[in-house]
Amino acid sequence: MHRIGIERESQDPAGGGRAVGSGRSFFAVIYGLLAIKQWSARERNLAVLSLMGAVFLLAYFLPFEAMPAGTKATGAAREALLMLQDYARRHVLLCLVPALFIAGAISCFVSQAAVMKYFGAQARKVVAYSVAAVSGTILAACSCTILPLFAGIYSRGAGIGPATAFLYSGPAINVLAIILTARVLGWQLGAARATGAIVFSLIIGLLMHLIYGRRQVAAQVEGGLYVPVDEHSRPLWQNAAYFAAMIGVLVFANWRALDSTGVGAAIASVKWVITAALLAVLVLMLARWFRPDELGEWVGATWIFAKQILPLLFAGVLVAGLLLGRPGYPALVPEAWIARSVGGNGLGANLFASVAGALMYFATLTEVPILEGLLGAGMGRGPALALLLAGPALSLPNMLVIRSVMGTQKTLVYVMLVVVLSTVAGMMYGSLAG
């Protein structure tokens, strides 16, 4: 009877069979969701890791460049996928994964008392903001790579002011990018970028502290500000060496020479040797200084940051690619329209450059050749500085992750401060540069 019923359903001209099939599919989905809820935490983590790994591998290996551009919409979709592929190939393994492990290590092995002493809401302002403001000279990080490190110190109790100063300065005060800016776009623009980035990190951090710091201090005082005793008994020099090795891996694996001669080029020629040596030293440290339970705690903390950050980053990269595309390739928003909108030095041109820079995603050092092309197309010097100050420090993927760390309101205030200060700095520089 069951078989006859199926045959009748398939021959029903009114589409009853399709309705029954749809109903069964719906209940199958509901059953699958209920079954997932019954999985253990380990099974769910394995499922999420498998899904993220599959997305990464597909983004890395699929030949998206073979997709036909077709209409404007399909061309924009192609650009979104190609931007995700570019991010997967250039940044995930060498930038983001090391940064996630560093963030996990901060969460596990950096004493909360130390974070509170140097970066806490009640820490000495001179020390906290000085360290945060020059952090970018060490970390040649893009706006997305800095996120796990920011989340790490913020989750350990860093004050909102020093934490956001670090968040801005990490990608903004990039020594290589500033040198490249001076060489390609002129020393005046390079000097203005360096000065503006350092001053901005201090102003943004102080204003964020002024707006939210007192609430943070009051909450800590009201809650008793309990700082747990560090359970890890390693000497300070061992922790310092461990973090130095990880930061060295992050820096040298992403080292780029500005030209074919000099110290930078010499380091670039042996960067993989240096990186491999640092990895070997790191493995030796882990084997000799760390207990198995500490290593498990470290991996667990890294996984928590990965689950929080990676999906939002991938989604943000896709949206940015869909709207703006890669440099030199049109998407939904035409590049020619952007170039026309940033001519001159008026308020509108500087504001547009700041907003566009804040939404676009710039890989490390790529903002310089992009600006070189825009300047050639008629972009004003003031809007160029505004984009240099807002662009590397912010991006749409970056904003999504910051919101998940410190909430919607603080994220909006932080983004507005970056955009407004970049606009003002662009107008001032434009009026001086003529």
Protein backbone atom coordinates (compact mmCIF):
# COMPACT_ATOMS: atom_id res chain seq x y z
CA MET A 1 0.00 0.00 0.00
CA HIS A 2 2.81 2.32 0.83
CA ARG A 3 4.30 1.80 -2.61
CA ILE A 4 0.97 2.41 -4.37
CA GLY A 5 0.53 5.60 -2.36
CA ILE A 6 3.89 6.86 -3.54
CA GLU A 7 2.98 6.15 -7.18
CA ARG A 8 -0.30 8.02 -6.81
CA GLU A 9 1.48 10.98 -5.24
CA SER A 10 3.94 11.15 -8.13
CA GLN A 11 1.12 11.08 -10.67
CA ASP A 12 -1.05 13.67 -8.93
CA PRO A 13 -1.56 16.48 -11.47
CA ALA A 14 -2.35 18.97 -8.72
CA GLY A 15 1.19 18.67 -7.29
CA GLY A 16 0.19 16.84 -4.11
CA GLY A 17 3.32 14.70 -4.36
CA ARG A 18 5.50 17.79 -4.40
CA ALA A 19 3.67 19.13 -1.34
CA VAL A 20 4.19 15.88 0.55
CA GLY A 21 7.85 15.85 -0.50
CA SER A 22 8.26 19.43 0.68
CA GLY A 23 6.63 18.55 3.96
CA ARG A 24 8.99 15.64 4.46
CA SER A 25 11.98 17.87 3.65
CA PHE A 26 10.80 20.43 6.19
CA PHE A 27 10.46 17.81 8.93
CA ALA A 28 13.85 16.37 7.95
CA VAL A 29 15.45 19.79 8.48
CA ILE A 30 13.71 20.19 11.86
CA TYR A 31 14.84 16.72 12.87
CA GLY A 32 18.40 17.55 11.82
CA LEU A 33 18.41 20.74 13.88
CA LEU A 34 17.09 18.89 16.92
CA ALA A 35 19.74 16.23 16.44
CA ILE A 36 22.50 18.90 16.33
CA LYS A 37 21.25 20.30 19.65
CA GLN A 38 21.79 16.87 21.17
CA TRP A 39 25.43 16.77 20.06
CA SER A 40 28.12 17.12 22.69
CA ALA A 41 30.24 20.29 22.79
CA ARG A 42 33.12 18.33 21.26
CA GLU A 43 30.95 17.17 18.35
CA ARG A 44 29.67 20.68 17.71
CA ASN A 45 33.20 22.10 17.76
CA LEU A 46 34.36 19.44 15.31
CA ALA A 47 31.42 20.25 13.04
CA VAL A 48 32.18 24.00 13.15
CA LEU A 49 35.89 23.36 12.55
CA SER A 50 35.07 21.09 9.60
CA LEU A 51 32.74 23.70 8.11
CA MET A 52 35.29 26.50 8.52
CA GLY A 53 38.01 24.31 7.05
CA ALA A 54 35.82 23.42 4.08
CA VAL A 55 35.02 27.10 3.42
CA PHE A 56 38.71 27.97 3.61
CA LEU A 57 39.76 25.18 1.24
CA LEU A 58 37.02 26.06 -1.25
CA ALA A 59 37.97 29.73 -1.13
CA TYR A 60 41.66 28.87 -1.52
CA PHE A 61 41.50 26.37 -4.39
CA LEU A 62 38.37 26.96 -6.49
CA PRO A 63 39.14 28.74 -9.81
CA PHE A 64 36.88 31.74 -9.32
CA GLU A 65 38.84 33.70 -11.94
CA ALA A 66 37.32 31.38 -14.57
CA MET A 67 33.81 32.60 -13.71
CA PRO A 68 32.32 34.80 -16.45
CA ALA A 69 31.75 38.42 -15.44
CA GLY A 70 28.45 38.63 -17.33
CA THR A 71 26.14 41.25 -15.87
CA LYS A 72 27.14 43.82 -13.26
CA ALA A 73 25.59 41.72 -10.49
CA THR A 74 27.40 38.52 -11.49
CA GLY A 75 30.63 40.50 -11.92
CA ALA A 76 30.25 41.87 -8.41
CA ALA A 77 29.64 38.35 -7.06
CA ARG A 78 32.77 37.20 -8.86
CA GLU A 79 34.74 40.04 -7.27
CA ALA A 80 33.43 39.09 -3.83
CA LEU A 81 34.60 35.50 -4.26
CA LEU A 82 37.96 36.58 -5.68
CA MET A 83 38.51 38.97 -2.76
CA LEU A 84 37.71 36.15 -0.33
CA GLN A 85 40.18 33.94 -2.21
CA ASP A 86 42.84 36.63 -2.05
CA TYR A 87 42.27 36.96 1.69
CA ALA A 88 42.43 33.20 2.19
CA ARG A 89 45.67 32.85 0.22
CA ARG A 90 47.53 35.87 1.54
CA HIS A 91 46.40 36.38 5.11
CA VAL A 92 44.75 33.44 6.84
CA LEU A 93 47.70 31.06 7.23
CA LEU A 94 50.53 33.57 7.63
CA CYS A 95 48.77 36.46 9.40
CA LEU A 96 45.53 35.46 11.04
CA VAL A 97 46.41 32.00 12.38
CA PRO A 98 49.58 33.20 14.17
CA ALA A 99 47.65 36.19 15.52
CA LEU A 100 44.91 33.89 16.85
CA PHE A 101 47.49 31.75 18.67
CA ILE A 102 49.08 34.88 20.14
CA ALA A 103 45.64 36.03 21.31
CA GLY A 104 45.01 32.64 22.88
CA ALA A 105 48.36 32.82 24.63
CA ILE A 106 47.57 36.29 25.96
CA SER A 107 44.28 34.97 27.29
CA CYS A 108 45.96 32.02 29.04
CA PHE A 109 49.49 32.98 30.00
CA VAL A 110 49.59 36.75 30.43
CA SER A 111 48.83 37.60 34.04
CA GLN A 112 45.62 39.57 34.34
CA ALA A 113 47.33 41.58 37.06
CA ALA A 114 49.99 42.64 34.52
CA VAL A 115 47.38 43.64 31.96
CA MET A 116 45.48 45.64 34.57
CA LYS A 117 48.72 47.28 35.75
CA TYR A 118 49.85 48.51 32.33
CA PHE A 119 46.63 48.65 30.26
CA GLY A 120 43.80 48.68 32.80
CA ALA A 121 41.28 51.47 33.20
CA GLN A 122 43.13 52.67 36.31
CA ALA A 123 46.66 52.21 34.90
CA ARG A 124 49.14 55.08 34.56
CA LYS A 125 48.07 56.92 31.42
CA VAL A 126 51.59 57.80 30.25
CA VAL A 127 52.73 54.18 30.29
CA ALA A 128 49.49 52.68 28.90
CA TYR A 129 49.05 55.07 25.99
CA SER A 130 52.75 55.26 25.12
CA VAL A 131 52.99 51.47 24.75
CA ALA A 132 49.69 51.25 22.85
CA ALA A 133 50.52 54.13 20.50
CA VAL A 134 53.80 52.69 19.23
CA SER A 135 52.74 49.04 19.03
CA GLY A 136 52.38 49.27 15.26
CA THR A 137 56.12 49.77 14.86
CA ILE A 138 56.54 46.10 15.90
CA LEU A 139 53.40 44.54 14.40
CA ALA A 140 53.15 45.07 10.64
CA ALA A 141 49.52 43.98 10.88
CA CYS A 142 46.49 44.78 8.76
CA SER A 143 43.16 45.85 10.25
CA CYS A 144 41.97 42.24 10.49
CA THR A 145 45.15 40.66 11.85
CA ILE A 146 45.18 43.06 14.82
CA LEU A 147 41.70 41.93 15.93
CA PRO A 148 42.65 38.75 17.81
CA LEU A 149 45.36 40.65 19.70
CA PHE A 150 42.90 43.41 20.60
CA ALA A 151 40.33 40.86 21.74
CA GLY A 152 43.00 39.15 23.82
CA ILE A 153 44.07 42.19 25.85
CA TYR A 154 40.51 43.54 26.10
CA SER A 155 39.24 40.24 27.49
CA ARG A 156 42.02 40.31 30.10
CA GLY A 157 40.79 43.61 31.50
CA ALA A 158 42.59 46.27 29.46
CA GLY A 159 40.98 49.68 29.70
CA ILE A 160 38.84 50.83 26.79
CA GLY A 161 41.23 53.74 26.12
CA PRO A 162 44.55 51.85 25.84
CA ALA A 163 42.81 48.94 24.08
CA THR A 164 41.35 51.14 21.33
CA ALA A 165 44.63 53.07 21.03
CA PHE A 166 46.30 49.71 20.40
CA LEU A 167 43.51 48.71 18.00
CA TYR A 168 44.09 51.81 15.87
CA SER A 169 47.87 52.02 16.08
CA GLY A 170 48.51 48.35 15.25
CA PRO A 171 47.71 48.65 11.53
CA ALA A 172 48.04 52.44 11.24
CA ILE A 173 51.63 52.89 12.50
CA ASN A 174 53.21 50.40 10.16
CA VAL A 175 56.85 51.40 9.57
CA LEU A 176 57.10 49.64 6.20
CA ALA A 177 53.86 51.22 4.97
CA ILE A 178 54.95 54.70 6.09
CA ILE A 179 58.34 54.33 4.35
CA LEU A 180 56.63 53.09 1.18
CA THR A 181 54.20 56.03 1.34
CA ALA A 182 57.09 58.48 1.56
CA ARG A 183 58.95 56.86 -1.35
CA VAL A 184 56.01 56.52 -3.72
CA LEU A 185 53.71 59.41 -2.77
CA GLY A 186 56.24 61.91 -1.42
CA TRP A 187 57.91 62.53 1.93
CA GLN A 188 55.32 65.14 2.90
CA LEU A 189 52.46 62.65 2.71
CA GLY A 190 54.58 59.99 4.45
CA ALA A 191 55.45 62.35 7.32
CA ALA A 192 51.83 63.49 7.61
CA ARG A 193 50.68 59.88 7.75
CA ALA A 194 53.18 58.94 10.48
CA THR A 195 52.37 62.01 12.59
CA GLY A 196 48.63 61.65 12.15
CA ALA A 197 48.63 57.94 13.03
CA ILE A 198 50.51 58.46 16.31
CA VAL A 199 48.43 61.47 17.31
CA PHE A 200 45.18 59.75 16.32
CA SER A 201 45.91 56.67 18.42
CA LEU A 202 46.41 58.88 21.48
CA ILE A 203 43.36 61.07 20.81
CA ILE A 204 41.06 58.13 20.03
CA GLY A 205 42.20 56.22 23.11
CA LEU A 206 41.81 59.24 25.39
CA LEU A 207 38.36 60.11 24.01
CA MET A 208 37.15 56.51 24.34
CA HIS A 209 38.40 56.55 27.94
CA LEU A 210 36.69 59.89 28.56
CA ILE A 211 33.38 58.54 27.22
CA TYR A 212 33.45 54.99 28.63
CA GLY A 213 36.43 54.73 30.98
CA ARG A 214 34.68 56.04 34.07
CA ARG A 215 31.90 53.50 33.65
CA GLN A 216 34.53 50.77 33.33
CA VAL A 217 36.32 51.93 36.48
CA ALA A 218 33.04 52.23 38.37
CA ALA A 219 32.03 48.71 37.31
CA GLN A 220 35.40 47.35 38.44
CA VAL A 221 35.21 49.13 41.78
CA GLU A 222 31.61 48.05 42.34
CA GLY A 223 32.47 44.47 41.43
CA GLY A 224 35.49 44.46 43.70
CA LEU A 225 38.01 44.24 40.79
CA TYR A 226 38.97 40.67 41.62
CA VAL A 227 42.23 39.82 39.88
CA PRO A 228 43.07 36.11 40.14
CA VAL A 229 46.54 34.97 41.04
CA ASP A 230 48.52 33.68 38.08
CA GLU A 231 48.43 29.89 38.22
CA HIS A 232 51.36 29.45 35.83
CA SER A 233 54.70 29.31 37.64
CA ARG A 234 57.06 30.06 34.75
CA PRO A 235 59.58 32.89 35.19
CA LEU A 236 58.88 36.15 33.43
CA TRP A 237 61.79 35.70 31.03
CA GLN A 238 60.34 32.41 29.76
CA ASN A 239 56.97 34.00 28.99
CA ALA A 240 58.77 36.93 27.32
CA ALA A 241 60.84 34.57 25.15
CA TYR A 242 57.74 32.54 24.24
CA PHE A 243 55.82 35.61 23.09
CA ALA A 244 58.88 37.02 21.31
CA ALA A 245 59.17 33.80 19.29
CA MET A 246 55.49 33.91 18.27
CA ILE A 247 55.63 37.59 17.35
CA GLY A 248 58.83 36.91 15.40
CA VAL A 249 57.05 34.21 13.40
CA LEU A 250 54.22 36.65 12.63
CA VAL A 251 56.60 39.46 11.61
CA PHE A 252 59.15 37.52 9.53
CA ALA A 253 56.65 35.24 7.79
CA ASN A 254 55.02 38.40 6.40
CA TRP A 255 58.21 40.36 5.77
CA ARG A 256 58.28 42.34 2.53
CA ALA A 257 61.22 44.22 1.03
CA LEU A 258 60.54 47.67 -0.36
CA ASP A 259 63.27 47.29 -3.01
CA SER A 260 65.85 44.78 -4.21
CA THR A 261 68.76 46.12 -2.17
CA GLY A 262 69.48 46.98 1.45
CA VAL A 263 68.80 45.35 4.79
CA GLY A 264 65.11 44.75 4.04
CA ALA A 265 65.90 42.81 0.89
CA ALA A 266 68.55 40.78 2.72
CA ILE A 267 66.07 39.83 5.42
CA ALA A 268 63.43 39.00 2.80
CA SER A 269 65.83 36.58 1.09
CA VAL A 270 66.20 34.53 4.29
CA LYS A 271 62.84 35.19 5.91
CA TRP A 272 61.71 31.56 5.67
CA VAL A 273 64.94 30.40 7.29
CA ILE A 274 64.37 32.84 10.15
CA THR A 275 60.73 31.83 10.43
CA ALA A 276 61.60 28.11 10.50
CA ALA A 277 64.25 28.71 13.16
CA LEU A 278 61.80 30.65 15.31
CA LEU A 279 59.20 27.89 14.91
CA ALA A 280 61.78 25.29 15.99
CA VAL A 281 62.68 27.38 19.05
CA LEU A 282 58.98 27.80 19.82
CA VAL A 283 58.34 24.05 19.63
CA LEU A 284 61.32 23.45 21.94
CA MET A 285 59.93 25.99 24.43
CA LEU A 286 56.51 24.36 24.37
CA ALA A 287 58.00 20.91 24.96
CA ARG A 288 60.24 21.94 27.84
CA TRP A 289 58.35 24.71 29.65
CA PHE A 290 54.64 23.91 29.27
CA ARG A 291 52.50 21.18 30.78
CA PRO A 292 50.06 19.24 28.56
CA ASP A 293 47.06 20.79 30.33
CA GLU A 294 48.45 24.29 29.66
CA LEU A 295 48.85 23.50 25.98
CA GLY A 296 45.27 22.24 25.89
CA GLU A 297 44.09 25.43 27.55
CA TRP A 298 46.02 27.49 24.99
CA VAL A 299 44.52 25.64 22.03
CA GLY A 300 41.04 25.95 23.58
CA ALA A 301 41.38 29.71 24.02
CA THR A 302 42.67 30.07 20.46
CA TRP A 303 39.66 28.12 19.18
CA ILE A 304 37.26 30.43 21.05
CA PHE A 305 38.79 33.47 19.31
CA ALA A 306 38.73 31.67 15.95
CA LYS A 307 34.99 30.88 16.26
CA GLN A 308 34.27 34.47 17.20
CA ILE A 309 36.39 36.18 14.55
CA LEU A 310 36.77 34.07 11.40
CA PRO A 311 33.11 33.78 10.32
CA LEU A 312 32.57 37.53 10.67
CA LEU A 313 35.77 38.27 8.78
CA PHE A 314 34.87 35.99 5.89
CA ALA A 315 31.36 37.48 5.70
CA GLY A 316 32.73 41.01 5.82
CA VAL A 317 35.28 40.34 3.07
CA LEU A 318 32.51 38.98 0.85
CA VAL A 319 30.33 42.07 1.39
CA ALA A 320 33.27 44.44 0.83
CA GLY A 321 34.14 42.62 -2.40
CA LEU A 322 30.54 42.70 -3.58
CA LEU A 323 30.29 46.47 -3.09
CA LEU A 324 33.75 47.76 -3.91
CA GLY A 325 35.63 44.89 -5.56
CA ARG A 326 39.37 44.50 -5.72
CA PRO A 327 41.61 47.45 -6.65
CA GLY A 328 41.34 48.01 -10.38
CA TYR A 329 38.26 45.78 -10.81
CA PRO A 330 34.75 47.24 -10.70
CA ALA A 331 31.94 45.89 -8.54
CA LEU A 332 28.59 47.41 -7.61
CA VAL A 333 30.20 50.77 -6.72
CA PRO A 334 32.24 52.00 -9.72
CA GLU A 335 35.83 53.09 -9.02
CA ALA A 336 35.49 56.00 -11.45
CA TRP A 337 32.67 57.37 -9.33
CA ILE A 338 34.87 57.12 -6.24
CA ALA A 339 37.73 58.92 -8.02
CA ARG A 340 35.42 61.76 -9.09
CA SER A 341 34.08 62.09 -5.54
CA VAL A 342 37.49 62.72 -3.92
CA GLY A 343 38.76 65.51 -6.17
CA GLY A 344 39.68 68.83 -4.57
CA ASN A 345 39.95 69.43 -0.85
CA GLY A 346 36.43 70.23 0.30
CA LEU A 347 34.59 68.77 3.26
CA GLY A 348 32.64 66.40 1.04
CA ALA A 349 35.74 65.01 -0.68
CA ASN A 350 37.58 64.40 2.61
CA LEU A 351 34.54 62.91 4.30
CA PHE A 352 33.90 60.63 1.35
CA ALA A 353 37.54 59.48 1.34
CA SER A 354 37.38 58.75 5.07
CA VAL A 355 34.13 56.78 4.81
CA ALA A 356 35.25 54.89 1.70
CA GLY A 357 38.57 54.06 3.34
CA ALA A 358 36.81 52.89 6.49
CA LEU A 359 34.61 50.48 4.51
CA MET A 360 37.23 49.15 2.07
CA TYR A 361 39.58 46.33 2.99
CA PHE A 362 43.29 47.05 2.44
CA ALA A 363 45.85 44.29 2.77
CA THR A 364 49.11 45.50 4.30
CA LEU A 365 50.96 47.94 1.97
CA THR A 366 48.32 47.73 -0.80
CA GLU A 367 46.84 51.14 0.04
CA VAL A 368 49.91 52.90 -1.44
CA PRO A 369 49.61 51.68 -5.07
CA ILE A 370 45.84 52.15 -4.88
CA LEU A 371 46.30 55.77 -3.83
CA GLU A 372 48.94 56.29 -6.49
CA GLY A 373 46.34 55.42 -9.11
CA LEU A 374 43.65 57.60 -7.49
CA LEU A 375 46.02 60.58 -7.26
CA GLY A 376 46.76 60.13 -10.93
CA ALA A 377 43.00 60.18 -11.59
CA GLY A 378 42.59 63.56 -9.87
CA MET A 379 42.30 62.76 -6.16
CA GLY A 380 43.23 65.67 -3.87
CA ARG A 381 46.16 65.44 -1.46
CA GLY A 382 43.90 66.03 1.54
CA PRO A 383 41.48 63.20 0.74
CA ALA A 384 44.52 60.99 0.07
CA LEU A 385 45.74 61.52 3.65
CA ALA A 386 42.20 61.03 4.98
CA LEU A 387 42.01 57.66 3.24
CA LEU A 388 45.49 56.69 4.49
CA LEU A 389 44.50 57.44 8.09
CA ALA A 390 41.08 55.75 7.99
CA GLY A 391 41.62 52.91 5.53
CA PRO A 392 44.36 50.70 7.02
CA ALA A 393 42.87 50.94 10.53
CA LEU A 394 39.28 50.09 9.58
CA SER A 395 37.35 47.89 7.17
CA LEU A 396 33.88 46.41 7.04
CA PRO A 397 35.09 42.97 8.23
CA ASN A 398 37.05 44.70 10.99
CA MET A 399 33.94 46.57 12.21
CA LEU A 400 31.87 43.40 12.44
CA VAL A 401 34.45 41.74 14.68
CA ILE A 402 34.98 44.82 16.87
CA ARG A 403 31.23 44.93 17.47
CA SER A 404 31.30 41.32 18.69
CA VAL A 405 34.08 42.21 21.15
CA MET A 406 32.98 45.50 22.69
CA GLY A 407 29.39 46.03 21.56
CA THR A 408 27.53 48.12 19.01
CA GLN A 409 27.64 51.52 20.73
CA LYS A 410 31.37 51.53 21.46
CA THR A 411 32.10 50.30 17.92
CA LEU A 412 30.03 53.09 16.37
CA VAL A 413 31.76 55.72 18.51
CA TYR A 414 35.19 54.32 17.63
CA VAL A 415 34.41 54.30 13.89
CA MET A 416 32.98 57.83 14.05
CA LEU A 417 36.10 59.10 15.82
CA VAL A 418 38.37 57.59 13.15
CA VAL A 419 36.26 59.00 10.30
CA VAL A 420 35.87 62.49 11.80
CA LEU A 421 39.53 62.84 12.76
CA SER A 422 40.64 61.58 9.34
CA THR A 423 38.35 64.11 7.64
CA VAL A 424 39.67 67.00 9.72
CA ALA A 425 43.30 65.96 9.19
CA GLY A 426 42.70 65.65 5.44
CA MET A 427 41.26 69.16 5.22
CA MET A 428 44.12 70.64 7.25
CA TYR A 429 46.79 68.87 5.18
CA GLY A 430 45.06 69.73 1.93
CA SER A 431 44.96 73.41 2.79
CA LEU A 432 48.69 73.37 3.64
CA ALA A 433 49.75 71.23 0.66
CA GLY A 434 47.69 73.28 -1.75
